[in-house]
Amino acid sequence: MLILGNSILEGVGTALLIPPVYILTTLLFTDTASRARAFGAIMAMGGIGAAAGPLIGGLITSAISWRAAFVFQALVIVVIAVLSRKIDDPLPPDPARSFDTVGAVLSAAGLVLLVTGILAVDDNGWLALGLLLAGALVLVGFFAWVRGRERAGREALLSTDLFRNRTSNLGLVTQNTQWLMLMGVSFTVAAYLQVVRGYDAIETGVIFTAATLGILASSLAAEKLARRRAQRTLIMAGFVVTIAGIAVLLALVAWKSGAWAFAPGLLLIGLGLGLMLTPSVNVVQSCFPETQQGEISGLSRSISNLGSSLGTAIAGTILVSGLSKGAYAAAMAALAVVGLGGLPLRPCCREPAGPRLPEPG
């Protein structure tokens, strides 16, 4: 029941929550700078939630029980549902539109098989290969199904037109890479703090506050940065700062044993991630008209979720791979290499056409 409730139902609920936020932000803020400010505020609040979640959850678990922590989450969702009733929907729902159930099942199955294949690498190489191939085949079948429905003039889960925009495609790749790094780093550092250093959940959450402050600072500065620099420049700078943060974290933790050794590296990682998350979302959303905002928001969040799953799976696979020494450092180094792979994408991410506010005098 815990797996059904926490892993499946909560995951589905979270996936349904985020795309409407992207849609509303894109439709209500029409120029690059104001949209960057809005997305920056969203990312900043997400950073605060990421920091407060483990702390509040740890306190509730310690004081009451772990079940009470889940009740608290449910109460937060109730508050969100009540407040959302005051929001006017700029795109009224169309009950006549059909839902592609087969496409949804195929896409979900393919992604699950891919992530499971990565997790199985350490246990059974042949099983992992089989799962990865099966996942790839299912996804190929998914796109074949979508193309078939489009040719027949029927509604598909995802329009293939979304993949014909080069700028958006590269923006989606950067989003996937960013979330892979974010969740991979979070998983690796949290595991190290609790398994190797022996910190509890609350102490681990306090240490992660440095990364949260970095995300908060760079996200809140998104509007000013968007006025001064191109979105692709900010994305590249974010990758560079994040990679530098990983290097600083590895160096200081190897040199010093105290908890403060984590702060500079985590702060840089947070600054870098906050610096590039906002413009990458902005670039992708700005590539499409209002009529396609629902589809691109869903695709954008799916790509980000896939990156999160891959980051956790890759880091976890390295940690349990049997390395007696340096497993955590190897996982962090692997994530840094992934970040280096994102740098060549920057020159190709052209800024979408659209109004841009001048810098106030």
Protein backbone atom coordinates (compact mmCIF):
# COMPACT_ATOMS: atom_id res chain seq x y z
CA MET A 1 0.00 0.00 0.00
CA LEU A 2 2.86 2.36 0.76
CA ILE A 3 4.31 1.81 -2.73
CA LEU A 4 0.88 2.31 -4.31
CA GLY A 5 0.14 5.48 -2.36
CA ASN A 6 3.54 7.16 -2.17
CA SER A 7 5.25 6.02 -5.35
CA ILE A 8 2.40 5.63 -7.84
CA LEU A 9 -0.56 7.78 -6.80
CA GLU A 10 1.52 10.62 -5.39
CA GLY A 11 3.75 10.53 -8.47
CA VAL A 12 0.74 10.72 -10.79
CA GLY A 13 -0.72 13.57 -8.73
CA THR A 14 2.51 15.55 -8.84
CA ALA A 15 2.76 15.02 -12.60
CA LEU A 16 -0.77 16.41 -12.99
CA LEU A 17 -0.05 19.47 -10.81
CA ILE A 18 2.98 20.93 -12.59
CA PRO A 19 1.91 21.29 -16.27
CA PRO A 20 -1.03 23.63 -15.44
CA VAL A 21 1.40 25.87 -13.56
CA TYR A 22 3.60 26.09 -16.67
CA ILE A 23 0.57 26.77 -18.87
CA LEU A 24 -0.79 29.55 -16.65
CA THR A 25 2.62 31.21 -16.37
CA THR A 26 3.22 31.15 -20.13
CA LEU A 27 -0.23 32.54 -20.98
CA LEU A 28 -0.39 35.21 -18.27
CA PHE A 29 3.16 36.55 -18.74
CA THR A 30 3.79 37.30 -22.40
CA ASP A 31 7.32 38.75 -22.61
CA THR A 32 10.69 37.18 -21.81
CA ALA A 33 11.52 39.27 -18.74
CA SER A 34 8.16 39.02 -16.95
CA ARG A 35 7.91 35.33 -17.76
CA ALA A 36 11.43 34.83 -16.38
CA ARG A 37 10.35 36.60 -13.19
CA ALA A 38 7.32 34.34 -12.85
CA PHE A 39 9.21 31.11 -13.56
CA GLY A 40 11.97 32.31 -11.24
CA ALA A 41 9.47 32.78 -8.42
CA ILE A 42 8.06 29.29 -9.08
CA MET A 43 11.54 27.74 -8.99
CA ALA A 44 12.38 29.69 -5.83
CA MET A 45 9.25 28.44 -4.08
CA GLY A 46 10.11 24.95 -5.24
CA GLY A 47 13.55 25.34 -3.68
CA ILE A 48 12.03 26.46 -0.41
CA GLY A 49 9.68 23.50 -0.47
CA ALA A 50 12.54 21.12 -1.20
CA ALA A 51 14.42 22.43 1.83
CA ALA A 52 11.45 22.68 4.16
CA GLY A 53 10.03 19.26 3.23
CA PRO A 54 12.73 17.08 4.80
CA LEU A 55 12.93 19.33 7.86
CA ILE A 56 9.18 19.39 8.48
CA GLY A 57 8.86 15.70 7.64
CA GLY A 58 11.69 14.82 9.99
CA LEU A 59 10.21 16.87 12.82
CA ILE A 60 6.73 15.38 12.38
CA THR A 61 8.13 11.85 12.14
CA SER A 62 10.24 12.34 15.26
CA ALA A 63 7.46 14.01 17.28
CA ILE A 64 4.44 11.98 16.12
CA SER A 65 4.92 9.29 13.44
CA TRP A 66 5.74 8.85 9.75
CA ARG A 67 2.03 8.46 9.03
CA ALA A 68 1.42 11.96 10.34
CA ALA A 69 3.96 13.30 7.84
CA PHE A 70 1.84 11.93 4.99
CA VAL A 71 -1.29 13.44 6.54
CA PHE A 72 0.49 16.81 6.54
CA GLN A 73 1.19 16.45 2.80
CA ALA A 74 -2.48 15.69 2.18
CA LEU A 75 -3.48 18.84 4.07
CA VAL A 76 -1.14 20.92 1.91
CA ILE A 77 -2.81 19.50 -1.21
CA VAL A 78 -6.23 20.43 0.21
CA VAL A 79 -5.06 24.03 0.69
CA ILE A 80 -3.76 24.13 -2.90
CA ALA A 81 -7.08 22.79 -4.20
CA VAL A 82 -9.04 25.44 -2.28
CA LEU A 83 -6.82 28.31 -3.43
CA SER A 84 -6.88 27.13 -7.06
CA ARG A 85 -10.65 27.75 -7.20
CA LYS A 86 -9.90 31.50 -7.40
CA ILE A 87 -7.83 31.13 -10.58
CA ASP A 88 -9.53 31.92 -13.88
CA ASP A 89 -8.70 29.36 -16.56
CA PRO A 90 -7.38 31.18 -19.68
CA LEU A 91 -7.93 28.01 -21.73
CA PRO A 92 -11.41 26.60 -21.04
CA PRO A 93 -11.58 22.78 -21.02
CA ASP A 94 -12.98 20.99 -24.04
CA PRO A 95 -14.97 17.93 -22.87
CA ALA A 96 -15.41 16.81 -26.49
CA ARG A 97 -11.70 16.02 -26.89
CA SER A 98 -10.85 12.35 -26.51
CA PHE A 99 -8.03 10.93 -24.40
CA ASP A 100 -5.45 8.59 -25.93
CA THR A 101 -5.43 5.86 -23.28
CA VAL A 102 -3.32 3.43 -25.32
CA GLY A 103 -0.71 6.12 -25.96
CA ALA A 104 -0.56 6.97 -22.25
CA VAL A 105 -0.02 3.32 -21.31
CA LEU A 106 2.67 2.80 -23.97
CA SER A 107 4.62 5.93 -23.03
CA ALA A 108 4.49 5.14 -19.29
CA ALA A 109 5.50 1.51 -19.84
CA GLY A 110 8.43 2.45 -22.05
CA LEU A 111 9.82 4.99 -19.57
CA VAL A 112 9.38 2.61 -16.62
CA LEU A 113 11.25 -0.14 -18.48
CA LEU A 114 14.14 2.23 -19.29
CA VAL A 115 14.56 3.38 -15.68
CA THR A 116 14.19 -0.17 -14.35
CA GLY A 117 16.84 -1.31 -16.82
CA ILE A 118 19.32 1.20 -15.44
CA LEU A 119 18.56 0.10 -11.88
CA ALA A 120 19.15 -3.56 -12.84
CA VAL A 121 22.65 -2.96 -14.25
CA ASP A 122 24.38 -3.86 -11.00
CA ASP A 123 22.34 -7.04 -10.38
CA ASN A 124 22.13 -8.61 -13.81
CA GLY A 125 23.66 -7.15 -16.95
CA TRP A 126 21.61 -9.29 -19.33
CA LEU A 127 18.38 -8.44 -17.53
CA ALA A 128 19.28 -4.75 -17.67
CA LEU A 129 20.01 -4.98 -21.39
CA GLY A 130 16.72 -6.76 -21.98
CA LEU A 131 14.77 -4.14 -20.05
CA LEU A 132 16.48 -1.27 -21.87
CA LEU A 133 15.79 -2.85 -25.26
CA ALA A 134 12.20 -3.57 -24.27
CA GLY A 135 11.75 0.03 -23.15
CA ALA A 136 13.18 1.34 -26.42
CA LEU A 137 10.89 -0.94 -28.44
CA VAL A 138 7.82 0.11 -26.46
CA LEU A 139 8.66 3.79 -27.02
CA VAL A 140 9.13 3.13 -30.75
CA GLY A 141 5.71 1.48 -30.69
CA PHE A 142 4.33 4.52 -28.88
CA PHE A 143 5.53 6.92 -31.58
CA ALA A 144 4.24 4.57 -34.29
CA TRP A 145 0.85 4.56 -32.54
CA VAL A 146 0.85 8.37 -32.35
CA ARG A 147 1.72 8.73 -36.04
CA GLY A 148 -1.02 6.28 -36.94
CA ARG A 149 -3.64 8.25 -35.02
CA GLU A 150 -2.49 11.51 -36.58
CA ARG A 151 -2.70 10.08 -40.10
CA ALA A 152 -6.21 8.87 -39.31
CA GLY A 153 -7.16 12.37 -38.13
CA ARG A 154 -7.69 11.27 -34.53
CA GLU A 155 -6.52 12.90 -31.31
CA ALA A 156 -3.14 11.55 -30.12
CA LEU A 157 -1.61 11.78 -26.67
CA LEU A 158 1.24 13.89 -28.04
CA SER A 159 1.54 15.74 -31.34
CA THR A 160 4.69 14.93 -33.29
CA ASP A 161 4.76 18.60 -34.35
CA LEU A 162 6.27 19.35 -30.94
CA PHE A 163 9.49 17.61 -31.98
CA ARG A 164 9.96 19.66 -35.16
CA ASN A 165 11.17 22.76 -33.30
CA ARG A 166 14.95 22.50 -32.96
CA THR A 167 15.20 25.11 -30.21
CA SER A 168 12.54 23.37 -28.14
CA ASN A 169 14.17 19.95 -28.66
CA LEU A 170 17.51 21.20 -27.37
CA GLY A 171 15.78 22.99 -24.50
CA LEU A 172 14.10 19.72 -23.52
CA VAL A 173 17.45 17.92 -23.58
CA THR A 174 18.93 20.56 -21.28
CA GLN A 175 15.94 20.22 -18.93
CA ASN A 176 16.45 16.48 -18.78
CA THR A 177 20.14 16.96 -18.04
CA GLN A 178 19.49 19.58 -15.37
CA TRP A 179 17.00 17.44 -13.47
CA LEU A 180 19.25 14.42 -13.83
CA MET A 181 22.04 16.39 -12.14
CA LEU A 182 19.75 17.90 -9.50
CA MET A 183 18.23 14.63 -8.33
CA GLY A 184 21.45 12.67 -8.79
CA VAL A 185 23.40 15.11 -6.62
CA SER A 186 20.62 15.26 -4.01
CA PHE A 187 20.42 11.47 -3.79
CA THR A 188 24.19 10.97 -3.60
CA VAL A 189 24.88 13.68 -1.02
CA ALA A 190 21.90 12.68 1.14
CA ALA A 191 23.01 9.03 1.09
CA TYR A 192 26.57 10.01 2.00
CA LEU A 193 25.46 12.24 4.86
CA GLN A 194 23.22 9.58 6.40
CA VAL A 195 25.12 6.37 5.61
CA VAL A 196 28.74 7.49 5.93
CA ARG A 197 28.54 10.51 8.24
CA GLY A 198 25.63 9.22 10.31
CA TYR A 199 23.46 12.35 10.17
CA ASP A 200 19.72 12.01 10.66
CA ALA A 201 17.04 13.36 8.29
CA ILE A 202 16.80 16.73 10.05
CA GLU A 203 20.56 17.33 10.09
CA THR A 204 20.75 16.33 6.42
CA GLY A 205 17.97 18.81 5.60
CA VAL A 206 19.81 21.59 7.42
CA ILE A 207 22.99 20.92 5.43
CA PHE A 208 21.00 21.00 2.17
CA THR A 209 19.82 24.51 3.09
CA ALA A 210 22.96 25.82 1.38
CA ALA A 211 21.78 24.44 -1.97
CA THR A 212 18.30 25.82 -1.35
CA LEU A 213 19.68 29.30 -0.71
CA GLY A 214 21.59 29.09 -3.99
CA ILE A 215 18.48 28.08 -5.96
CA LEU A 216 16.46 30.79 -4.20
CA ALA A 217 18.99 33.55 -4.96
CA SER A 218 19.48 32.76 -8.64
CA SER A 219 15.77 32.07 -9.25
CA LEU A 220 14.68 35.38 -7.73
CA ALA A 221 17.25 37.16 -9.92
CA ALA A 222 15.83 35.51 -13.07
CA GLU A 223 14.06 38.63 -14.36
CA LYS A 224 17.11 40.89 -14.05
CA LEU A 225 19.32 38.24 -15.61
CA ALA A 226 16.86 37.78 -18.50
CA ARG A 227 17.04 41.51 -19.24
CA ARG A 228 20.83 41.48 -19.40
CA ARG A 229 21.74 38.13 -20.92
CA ALA A 230 20.38 35.75 -23.54
CA GLN A 231 18.62 32.67 -22.19
CA ARG A 232 21.19 30.32 -23.76
CA THR A 233 24.01 32.23 -22.06
CA LEU A 234 22.32 31.76 -18.69
CA ILE A 235 21.88 28.04 -19.35
CA MET A 236 25.57 27.62 -20.16
CA ALA A 237 26.59 29.65 -17.11
CA GLY A 238 24.37 27.44 -14.97
CA PHE A 239 26.06 24.28 -16.21
CA VAL A 240 29.51 25.77 -15.55
CA VAL A 241 28.65 26.91 -12.01
CA THR A 242 27.01 23.56 -11.17
CA ILE A 243 30.02 21.57 -12.37
CA ALA A 244 32.32 23.89 -10.41
CA GLY A 245 30.14 23.32 -7.33
CA ILE A 246 30.52 19.54 -7.66
CA ALA A 247 34.31 19.95 -7.90
CA VAL A 248 34.41 22.23 -4.84
CA LEU A 249 32.18 19.84 -2.88
CA LEU A 250 34.40 16.83 -3.63
CA ALA A 251 37.57 18.74 -2.77
CA LEU A 252 36.37 20.26 0.52
CA VAL A 253 34.65 17.11 1.81
CA ALA A 254 37.85 15.12 1.16
CA TRP A 255 39.88 17.79 2.97
CA LYS A 256 37.61 18.69 5.91
CA SER A 257 35.42 16.41 8.01
CA GLY A 258 32.94 18.95 9.38
CA ALA A 259 29.45 19.66 8.10
CA TRP A 260 30.50 23.15 6.95
CA ALA A 261 32.66 21.57 4.25
CA PHE A 262 29.47 20.81 2.31
CA ALA A 263 28.19 24.39 2.31
CA PRO A 264 30.32 26.10 -0.42
CA GLY A 265 29.88 23.31 -2.96
CA LEU A 266 26.15 22.90 -2.32
CA LEU A 267 25.69 26.67 -2.53
CA LEU A 268 27.38 26.76 -5.94
CA ILE A 269 25.36 23.76 -7.13
CA GLY A 270 22.15 25.51 -6.06
CA LEU A 271 23.19 28.76 -7.76
CA GLY A 272 23.99 26.94 -10.99
CA LEU A 273 20.82 24.88 -11.06
CA GLY A 274 18.62 27.87 -10.27
CA LEU A 275 20.43 29.88 -12.93
CA MET A 276 19.61 27.43 -15.74
CA LEU A 277 16.29 25.87 -14.71
CA THR A 278 14.26 29.05 -15.27
CA PRO A 279 15.60 29.98 -18.75
CA SER A 280 15.39 26.41 -20.03
CA VAL A 281 11.69 26.21 -19.13
CA ASN A 282 11.17 29.70 -20.54
CA VAL A 283 12.82 28.80 -23.85
CA VAL A 284 10.72 25.66 -24.35
CA GLN A 285 7.38 27.21 -23.39
CA SER A 286 8.01 30.29 -25.55
CA CYS A 287 8.46 28.21 -28.70
CA PHE A 288 4.76 27.35 -29.02
CA PRO A 289 1.43 29.20 -29.33
CA GLU A 290 -1.38 29.10 -26.80
CA THR A 291 -3.10 26.18 -28.53
CA GLN A 292 -0.11 23.90 -27.85
CA GLN A 293 0.73 25.03 -24.32
CA GLY A 294 -1.03 22.05 -22.77
CA GLU A 295 0.92 19.53 -24.82
CA ILE A 296 4.33 21.17 -24.47
CA SER A 297 3.85 21.67 -20.72
CA GLY A 298 3.07 18.00 -20.28
CA LEU A 299 6.00 16.96 -22.47
CA SER A 300 8.35 19.35 -20.66
CA ARG A 301 7.41 17.95 -17.27
CA SER A 302 7.66 14.36 -18.51
CA ILE A 303 11.18 15.01 -19.77
CA SER A 304 12.10 16.60 -16.44
CA ASN A 305 10.64 13.66 -14.50
CA LEU A 306 12.56 11.26 -16.69
CA GLY A 307 15.75 13.17 -15.91
CA SER A 308 14.98 12.98 -12.19
CA SER A 309 14.44 9.22 -12.40
CA LEU A 310 17.59 8.71 -14.47
CA GLY A 311 19.67 10.82 -12.07
CA THR A 312 18.56 8.80 -9.06
CA ALA A 313 18.93 5.51 -10.94
CA ILE A 314 22.42 6.28 -12.26
CA ALA A 315 23.69 7.54 -8.90
CA GLY A 316 22.12 4.62 -7.05
CA THR A 317 23.57 2.09 -9.48
CA ILE A 318 27.07 3.50 -8.96
CA LEU A 319 26.69 3.53 -5.18
CA VAL A 320 25.73 -0.15 -5.01
CA SER A 321 28.14 -1.29 -7.71
CA GLY A 322 30.55 -2.82 -5.21
CA LEU A 323 33.14 -0.06 -5.16
CA SER A 324 34.78 -0.33 -1.75
CA LYS A 325 36.35 3.10 -2.04
CA GLY A 326 35.22 6.25 -3.73
CA ALA A 327 31.71 5.14 -4.73
CA TYR A 328 30.17 8.46 -3.69
CA ALA A 329 32.92 10.44 -5.40
CA ALA A 330 32.49 8.31 -8.52
CA ALA A 331 28.76 9.03 -8.57
CA MET A 332 29.36 12.78 -8.25
CA ALA A 333 32.03 12.67 -10.94
CA ALA A 334 29.63 10.84 -13.27
CA LEU A 335 27.04 13.57 -12.73
CA ALA A 336 29.65 16.23 -13.49
CA VAL A 337 30.47 14.45 -16.75
CA VAL A 338 26.77 14.53 -17.65
CA GLY A 339 26.87 18.27 -17.01
CA LEU A 340 29.85 18.65 -19.33
CA GLY A 341 27.79 16.89 -21.98
CA GLY A 342 25.19 19.64 -21.67
CA LEU A 343 27.62 22.46 -22.48
CA PRO A 344 27.82 21.81 -26.26
CA LEU A 345 24.04 22.23 -26.46
CA ARG A 346 24.22 25.90 -25.50
CA PRO A 347 25.35 27.38 -28.86
CA CYS A 348 22.48 25.53 -30.56
CA CYS A 349 19.74 26.84 -28.23
CA ARG A 350 18.60 29.91 -30.09
CA GLU A 351 16.32 32.30 -28.23
CA PRO A 352 12.72 32.12 -29.47
CA ALA A 353 11.34 35.21 -31.09
CA GLY A 354 9.20 37.35 -28.85
CA PRO A 355 8.96 40.71 -27.13
CA ARG A 356 11.72 41.62 -24.72
CA LEU A 357 11.47 44.42 -22.20
CA PRO A 358 14.23 47.04 -22.16
CA GLU A 359 16.35 47.52 -19.09
CA PRO A 360 14.78 50.28 -16.95
CA GLY A 361 16.77 53.43 -16.94
